[in-house]
Amino acid sequence: MACAAAFGTGGCFGGDEDSAGGSSREAATERATPAPKGSAPRAGEPPEAGQVRGWSDALNAGDYRRAASFFAEGAIIEQGGEIRLRDRAAAIAFNRSLPCRATVTEVEDEKETVLATFRLRQGDGPEQVCGGIARVRFKFKDGKFSEWRQLAETMSEGQPA
């Protein structure tokens, strides 16, 4: 999947299987930091929808440190390949690498996970063609994303999810 069709890909992030970065002091702070407060979920949405929307809001505002705070230490990211965010620095780098911004249009409860649908638009990064729809499956641990798995499909606006 190309960067233009999604939030970004592992290749755009430049990470490898285990991303490096961050100091041990920063890692200890990350472990001690409680889950960030998301927004209130909308009627009919699972409670985790607030965390997904809070993360999206932080990302859209270019607040990569806040966006990173929604990820658990060791979170798994899947975008065509799989990487692990070992620490806060890696989570900040991942969020900064996403070329598109997005509006959350739907969050569905899948029991063990939630599936969020995003309408993509241009971000602040290098010139990318951002548009269409992307879907990401989230798994949570202690109120933070332990898994962030972007589905491989690429959809344009009118295509059903």
Protein backbone atom coordinates (compact mmCIF):
# COMPACT_ATOMS: atom_id res chain seq x y z
CA MET A 1 0.00 0.00 0.00
CA ALA A 2 1.38 3.40 -0.92
CA CYS A 3 1.76 6.30 1.47
CA ALA A 4 -0.65 8.32 -0.63
CA ALA A 5 -3.42 5.84 0.01
CA ALA A 6 -3.06 5.64 3.76
CA PHE A 7 -1.90 7.34 6.94
CA GLY A 8 1.56 6.15 5.97
CA THR A 9 3.43 2.89 5.69
CA GLY A 10 6.26 1.27 7.56
CA GLY A 11 8.50 2.39 4.72
CA CYS A 12 7.41 5.99 5.24
CA PHE A 13 8.10 5.69 8.95
CA GLY A 14 11.55 4.37 8.29
CA GLY A 15 11.28 1.93 11.20
CA ASP A 16 12.45 -1.61 11.36
CA GLU A 17 11.00 -4.54 13.26
CA ASP A 18 12.03 -3.04 16.62
CA SER A 19 12.29 0.75 16.48
CA ALA A 20 15.01 2.23 18.63
CA GLY A 21 15.12 5.53 20.42
CA GLY A 22 14.54 7.28 23.72
CA SER A 23 16.33 7.25 27.03
CA SER A 24 15.69 4.90 29.92
CA ARG A 25 14.39 7.90 31.91
CA GLU A 26 11.87 8.67 29.17
CA ALA A 27 10.83 4.98 29.08
CA ALA A 28 10.29 4.95 32.86
CA THR A 29 8.18 8.11 32.57
CA GLU A 30 6.11 6.48 29.81
CA ARG A 31 5.38 3.43 31.99
CA ALA A 32 4.28 5.68 34.85
CA THR A 33 2.07 7.88 32.68
CA PRO A 34 -1.63 7.01 32.85
CA ALA A 35 -3.69 6.71 29.70
CA PRO A 36 -4.45 10.13 28.21
CA LYS A 37 -7.97 11.43 28.34
CA GLY A 38 -9.70 11.05 25.02
CA SER A 39 -12.90 12.69 23.93
CA ALA A 40 -16.35 11.39 24.88
CA PRO A 41 -17.51 8.56 22.63
CA ARG A 42 -20.55 9.30 20.51
CA ALA A 43 -23.89 7.56 21.06
CA GLY A 44 -23.68 3.90 20.10
CA GLU A 45 -19.88 3.83 20.03
CA PRO A 46 -17.70 1.70 22.31
CA PRO A 47 -15.92 3.55 25.16
CA GLU A 48 -12.57 3.17 23.37
CA ALA A 49 -13.85 5.45 20.60
CA GLY A 50 -12.95 8.40 22.83
CA GLN A 51 -9.30 7.32 22.83
CA VAL A 52 -9.29 6.89 19.03
CA ARG A 53 -10.84 10.34 18.57
CA GLY A 54 -8.48 11.91 21.14
CA TRP A 55 -5.47 10.46 19.31
CA SER A 56 -6.79 11.67 15.95
CA ASP A 57 -7.41 15.16 17.38
CA ALA A 58 -3.83 15.34 18.73
CA LEU A 59 -2.40 14.14 15.42
CA ASN A 60 -4.50 16.61 13.43
CA ALA A 61 -3.24 19.43 15.69
CA GLY A 62 0.37 18.37 15.06
CA ASP A 63 0.79 17.54 18.76
CA TYR A 64 2.93 14.43 18.21
CA ARG A 65 3.92 14.09 21.87
CA ARG A 66 0.26 13.94 22.92
CA ALA A 67 -0.56 11.61 20.00
CA ALA A 68 2.28 9.33 21.15
CA SER A 69 0.85 9.23 24.68
CA PHE A 70 -2.08 7.14 23.38
CA PHE A 71 0.34 4.26 22.56
CA ALA A 72 1.41 1.69 25.14
CA GLU A 73 5.10 0.93 25.48
CA GLY A 74 5.87 -1.86 23.02
CA ALA A 75 2.77 -1.20 20.88
CA ILE A 76 2.64 -3.09 17.61
CA ILE A 77 2.12 -1.08 14.41
CA GLU A 78 1.12 -2.85 11.21
CA GLN A 79 1.08 -1.08 7.84
CA GLY A 80 2.10 -3.64 5.27
CA GLY A 81 4.86 -4.70 7.68
CA GLU A 82 5.00 -4.90 11.44
CA ILE A 83 7.07 -2.76 13.80
CA ARG A 84 7.13 -2.41 17.57
CA LEU A 85 7.27 0.99 19.26
CA ARG A 86 9.77 0.23 22.01
CA ASP A 87 9.45 3.58 23.75
CA ARG A 88 7.97 7.06 23.69
CA ALA A 89 10.55 8.41 21.24
CA ALA A 90 9.57 5.72 18.71
CA ALA A 91 5.87 6.51 19.24
CA ILE A 92 6.53 10.22 18.63
CA ALA A 93 8.51 9.39 15.48
CA PHE A 94 5.73 7.12 14.21
CA ASN A 95 3.05 9.77 14.71
CA ARG A 96 5.23 12.45 13.10
CA SER A 97 5.78 10.15 10.08
CA LEU A 98 2.09 9.88 9.16
CA PRO A 99 1.70 11.99 6.00
CA CYS A 100 -2.09 12.32 6.09
CA ARG A 101 -4.50 13.80 8.59
CA ALA A 102 -7.88 12.20 9.13
CA THR A 103 -11.37 12.59 10.48
CA VAL A 104 -12.83 9.67 12.42
CA THR A 105 -16.10 8.76 10.71
CA GLU A 106 -17.00 5.54 12.53
CA VAL A 107 -15.79 3.33 15.39
CA GLU A 108 -17.16 -0.21 15.65
CA ASP A 109 -16.93 -2.56 18.63
CA GLU A 110 -15.43 -5.93 17.67
CA LYS A 111 -15.34 -7.27 21.26
CA GLU A 112 -11.53 -7.70 21.62
CA THR A 113 -10.72 -4.79 19.28
CA VAL A 114 -12.32 -1.69 17.79
CA LEU A 115 -12.31 -0.85 14.10
CA ALA A 116 -12.09 2.83 13.21
CA THR A 117 -12.79 4.32 9.80
CA PHE A 118 -11.02 7.55 8.85
CA ARG A 119 -11.59 10.04 6.01
CA LEU A 120 -8.09 11.09 4.92
CA ARG A 121 -6.91 14.57 3.94
CA GLN A 122 -3.59 16.35 3.40
CA GLY A 123 -1.25 16.49 6.37
CA ASP A 124 1.81 18.59 7.20
CA GLY A 125 4.42 16.16 5.94
CA PRO A 126 6.12 15.88 2.57
CA GLU A 127 3.86 16.44 -0.39
CA GLN A 128 1.51 13.46 -0.47
CA VAL A 129 -1.76 12.82 -2.18
CA CYS A 130 -4.04 12.14 0.78
CA GLY A 131 -7.66 11.22 0.30
CA GLY A 132 -10.12 8.38 0.52
CA ILE A 133 -10.80 6.13 3.47
CA ALA A 134 -8.51 4.11 5.74
CA ARG A 135 -9.47 1.66 8.46
CA VAL A 136 -7.41 0.82 11.52
CA ARG A 137 -8.02 -1.97 14.02
CA PHE A 138 -7.04 -1.00 17.57
CA LYS A 139 -6.36 -3.24 20.55
CA PHE A 140 -6.06 -1.67 24.01
CA LYS A 141 -4.07 -2.31 27.18
CA ASP A 142 -4.66 -0.12 30.24
CA GLY A 143 -6.47 2.48 28.12
CA LYS A 144 -3.66 2.80 25.54
CA PHE A 145 -3.21 1.35 22.05
CA SER A 146 -1.29 -1.92 22.30
CA GLU A 147 -1.92 -2.70 18.63
CA TRP A 148 -2.58 -0.32 15.70
CA ARG A 149 -3.19 -2.36 12.54
CA GLN A 150 -4.13 -0.57 9.35
CA LEU A 151 -6.19 -2.77 7.05
CA ALA A 152 -4.64 -3.37 3.65
CA GLU A 153 -7.62 -2.18 1.63
CA THR A 154 -7.62 1.18 -0.07
CA MET A 155 -10.99 2.85 -0.55
CA SER A 156 -12.11 5.99 -2.27
CA GLU A 157 -14.85 8.18 -0.79
CA GLY A 158 -17.86 6.54 -2.45
CA GLN A 159 -16.75 2.95 -1.97
CA PRO A 160 -18.38 0.95 0.87
CA ALA A 161 -16.17 0.17 3.88
